[in-house]
Amino acid sequence: LRNGREVWRWSAGRAFLQVLTRLRLEAGATRTFEMEWDQRDAAGAPAAPGQYTAQARLTAREALLTEPLPFRIGAAGDSRPPHAVTARPAEQSGIRVGEVLVNGQVVLRIREEGGGLSAVRRAEIIAGRLDRYLREGLRSDELRVGTTAGEAGVLWRGRLVVTADARHARLNRTTPLALARLWRGLLARALSP
């Protein structure tokens, strides 16, 4: 979608057998389906530069399967590369963790719940915050390490990106400030042009 209007649909012009099946997922489990878009609209013309949103829908039930995923197509000579920021559940040493990825590269792992939120939900919130800041113009050289509400973290223009709390620092065998520096470095590298 662009500005709320459909630009392209994977299923357009395809025929499907109407076969209903059941897919049972345990709590917290995921199932991934992949497709590619050649960045051409339904008429075959190249998609114009700008902001877009992708989402998956189950048409048999008119159910939205994913949160809208914003992304950007840059113009020729555009110096600001588009970045895909996502979060996903993962397992580490038998523990369910939340990973934040930039352009498919893991930049940090949330290994503890906090504030009544699971590690995966915390990672989703961080990814959403980072994506929003990127749309507002965040550049990798603007990321700073500082404190907010008495805790070390990575900041952008004084706004929190991620908190490096004491529990995560202990899990990483370091201090909160050193962990914030590490996360800032990983984020800056992943976001650098």
Protein backbone atom coordinates (compact mmCIF):
# COMPACT_ATOMS: atom_id res chain seq x y z
CA LEU A 1 0.00 0.00 0.00
CA ARG A 2 1.02 3.60 -0.56
CA ASN A 3 -0.98 6.35 1.16
CA GLY A 4 -3.61 3.72 2.01
CA ARG A 5 -4.09 2.66 -1.62
CA GLU A 6 -3.14 -0.75 -2.95
CA VAL A 7 -0.16 -0.68 -5.31
CA TRP A 8 0.47 -4.40 -5.72
CA ARG A 9 -0.97 -7.69 -4.47
CA TRP A 10 0.89 -11.01 -4.61
CA SER A 11 -2.27 -13.02 -5.31
CA ALA A 12 -3.57 -10.79 -8.14
CA GLY A 13 -4.15 -12.78 -11.33
CA ARG A 14 -3.50 -16.14 -9.64
CA ALA A 15 -6.00 -18.98 -9.36
CA PHE A 16 -6.28 -21.04 -6.19
CA LEU A 17 -8.14 -24.20 -5.26
CA GLN A 18 -10.49 -23.60 -2.39
CA VAL A 19 -9.07 -26.09 0.08
CA LEU A 20 -9.36 -25.34 3.76
CA THR A 21 -6.78 -26.81 6.09
CA ARG A 22 -5.97 -26.35 9.75
CA LEU A 23 -2.66 -25.12 11.04
CA ARG A 24 -2.20 -25.43 14.78
CA LEU A 25 0.44 -23.26 16.40
CA GLU A 26 1.42 -23.57 20.02
CA ALA A 27 1.46 -20.40 22.10
CA GLY A 28 4.29 -18.16 20.92
CA ALA A 29 5.05 -20.29 17.84
CA THR A 30 5.35 -18.71 14.42
CA ARG A 31 4.99 -19.82 10.80
CA THR A 32 6.82 -17.92 8.08
CA PHE A 33 5.74 -17.46 4.47
CA GLU A 34 7.97 -15.59 2.05
CA MET A 35 7.38 -13.81 -1.26
CA GLU A 36 9.22 -11.22 -3.33
CA TRP A 37 8.05 -8.00 -4.92
CA ASP A 38 9.92 -6.66 -7.94
CA GLN A 39 8.88 -3.09 -7.00
CA ARG A 40 6.50 -2.76 -9.91
CA ASP A 41 2.86 -1.76 -9.51
CA ALA A 42 -0.14 -3.80 -10.67
CA ALA A 43 0.22 -2.34 -14.20
CA GLY A 44 3.92 -3.29 -14.35
CA ALA A 45 5.30 0.25 -13.94
CA PRO A 46 8.20 0.85 -11.51
CA ALA A 47 6.99 1.85 -8.05
CA ALA A 48 7.61 5.51 -7.29
CA PRO A 49 10.04 6.44 -4.50
CA GLY A 50 8.40 7.00 -1.13
CA GLN A 51 6.86 5.34 1.92
CA TYR A 52 4.95 2.06 1.54
CA THR A 53 3.30 -0.44 3.84
CA ALA A 54 3.21 -4.23 3.45
CA GLN A 55 0.76 -6.51 5.18
CA ALA A 56 -0.52 -10.08 4.91
CA ARG A 57 -4.18 -10.98 4.85
CA LEU A 58 -6.06 -14.27 4.90
CA THR A 59 -8.75 -13.56 2.32
CA ALA A 60 -10.85 -16.65 3.17
CA ARG A 61 -11.67 -14.99 6.49
CA GLU A 62 -10.74 -11.37 5.71
CA ALA A 63 -8.35 -11.54 8.64
CA LEU A 64 -5.25 -9.38 8.88
CA LEU A 65 -2.34 -11.72 9.65
CA THR A 66 0.42 -9.19 10.24
CA GLU A 67 0.90 -5.76 11.62
CA PRO A 68 1.45 -3.27 8.80
CA LEU A 69 5.18 -3.17 7.96
CA PRO A 70 6.34 0.26 6.79
CA PHE A 71 9.24 0.52 4.35
CA ARG A 72 10.71 3.06 1.97
CA ILE A 73 11.72 2.92 -1.69
CA GLY A 74 14.46 5.44 -2.40
CA ALA A 75 14.94 7.53 -5.52
CA ALA A 76 17.98 7.16 -7.77
CA GLY A 77 20.82 9.02 -6.07
CA ASP A 78 18.95 9.02 -2.75
CA SER A 79 21.65 9.08 -0.08
CA ARG A 80 19.41 7.67 2.65
CA PRO A 81 19.20 3.89 2.35
CA PRO A 82 15.96 2.24 3.40
CA HIS A 83 16.31 0.07 6.48
CA ALA A 84 14.14 -2.88 7.40
CA VAL A 85 13.70 -3.05 11.17
CA THR A 86 12.02 -6.15 12.54
CA ALA A 87 11.71 -8.18 15.73
CA ARG A 88 11.42 -11.93 16.01
CA PRO A 89 11.24 -14.59 18.68
CA ALA A 90 14.25 -16.86 19.04
CA GLU A 91 15.62 -19.40 21.46
CA GLN A 92 18.92 -19.09 23.25
CA SER A 93 20.08 -21.83 25.63
CA GLY A 94 16.50 -23.09 25.87
CA ILE A 95 15.14 -19.63 26.78
CA ARG A 96 12.73 -17.67 24.60
CA VAL A 97 14.30 -14.32 23.65
CA GLY A 98 13.35 -11.42 21.42
CA GLU A 99 15.74 -10.32 18.69
CA VAL A 100 15.81 -6.90 17.01
CA LEU A 101 17.10 -6.97 13.43
CA VAL A 102 18.18 -4.20 11.07
CA ASN A 103 18.34 -5.29 7.43
CA GLY A 104 18.25 -8.93 8.57
CA GLN A 105 21.19 -8.48 10.97
CA VAL A 106 20.61 -9.12 14.70
CA VAL A 107 21.62 -5.94 16.53
CA LEU A 108 20.42 -6.86 20.02
CA ARG A 109 18.70 -9.59 21.98
CA ILE A 110 16.25 -9.04 24.79
CA ARG A 111 16.61 -11.99 27.13
CA GLU A 112 14.48 -10.93 30.09
CA GLU A 113 10.90 -9.90 30.58
CA GLY A 114 10.28 -6.55 32.20
CA GLY A 115 7.42 -4.28 33.12
CA GLY A 116 4.99 -7.17 32.65
CA LEU A 117 6.14 -7.65 29.04
CA SER A 118 7.74 -10.75 27.56
CA ALA A 119 11.22 -10.53 26.04
CA VAL A 120 9.69 -10.89 22.56
CA ARG A 121 7.16 -8.09 23.16
CA ARG A 122 9.93 -5.83 24.46
CA ALA A 123 11.94 -6.51 21.28
CA GLU A 124 8.87 -5.64 19.17
CA ILE A 125 8.48 -2.34 21.01
CA ILE A 126 12.17 -1.48 20.51
CA ALA A 127 11.96 -2.37 16.79
CA GLY A 128 8.84 -0.22 16.40
CA ARG A 129 10.52 2.70 18.18
CA LEU A 130 13.65 2.37 16.03
CA ASP A 131 11.60 2.17 12.84
CA ARG A 132 9.64 5.30 13.84
CA TYR A 133 12.86 7.21 14.54
CA LEU A 134 14.28 6.16 11.17
CA ARG A 135 11.18 7.54 9.45
CA GLU A 136 11.76 10.76 11.41
CA GLY A 137 15.31 11.01 10.06
CA LEU A 138 17.55 9.11 12.49
CA ARG A 139 21.15 8.80 11.30
CA SER A 140 23.62 6.33 12.76
CA ASP A 141 26.03 9.09 13.86
CA GLU A 142 23.29 10.64 16.03
CA LEU A 143 22.97 7.64 18.36
CA ARG A 144 24.32 8.38 21.84
CA VAL A 145 24.84 6.51 25.08
CA GLY A 146 23.28 8.23 28.06
CA THR A 147 20.90 7.76 30.95
CA THR A 148 17.17 8.06 31.15
CA ALA A 149 15.10 7.48 34.29
CA GLY A 150 18.37 6.58 36.03
CA GLU A 151 19.27 3.73 33.65
CA ALA A 152 21.89 3.54 30.90
CA GLY A 153 20.63 3.29 27.36
CA VAL A 154 20.97 4.20 23.72
CA LEU A 155 19.35 7.54 22.87
CA TRP A 156 18.52 9.51 19.76
CA ARG A 157 18.08 13.26 20.24
CA GLY A 158 17.43 12.57 23.93
CA ARG A 159 14.75 9.98 23.14
CA LEU A 160 15.10 6.38 24.33
CA VAL A 161 15.96 3.71 21.76
CA VAL A 162 16.75 0.88 24.21
CA THR A 163 17.50 0.61 27.92
CA ALA A 164 20.56 -1.38 28.99
CA ASP A 165 19.19 -2.53 32.33
CA ALA A 166 21.24 -4.14 35.10
CA ARG A 167 19.77 -7.63 34.49
CA HIS A 168 20.82 -7.63 30.82
CA ALA A 169 24.22 -6.26 31.76
CA ARG A 170 24.72 -9.15 34.24
CA LEU A 171 23.63 -11.68 31.60
CA ASN A 172 26.27 -10.18 29.28
CA ARG A 173 28.86 -10.09 32.09
CA THR A 174 29.32 -6.34 31.82
CA THR A 175 27.99 -3.06 33.19
CA PRO A 176 24.84 -1.32 31.95
CA LEU A 177 26.92 1.54 30.50
CA ALA A 178 29.25 -0.87 28.64
CA LEU A 179 26.23 -2.81 27.33
CA ALA A 180 24.66 0.44 26.09
CA ARG A 181 27.93 1.25 24.29
CA LEU A 182 27.97 -2.21 22.71
CA TRP A 183 24.34 -1.92 21.55
CA ARG A 184 24.97 1.59 20.23
CA GLY A 185 27.92 0.30 18.20
CA LEU A 186 25.92 -2.60 16.75
CA LEU A 187 23.02 -0.30 15.85
CA ALA A 188 25.31 2.33 14.32
CA ARG A 189 27.09 -0.25 12.15
CA ALA A 190 23.83 -1.79 10.94
CA LEU A 191 22.40 1.66 10.10
CA SER A 192 25.51 3.09 8.43
CA PRO A 193 25.25 3.73 4.68
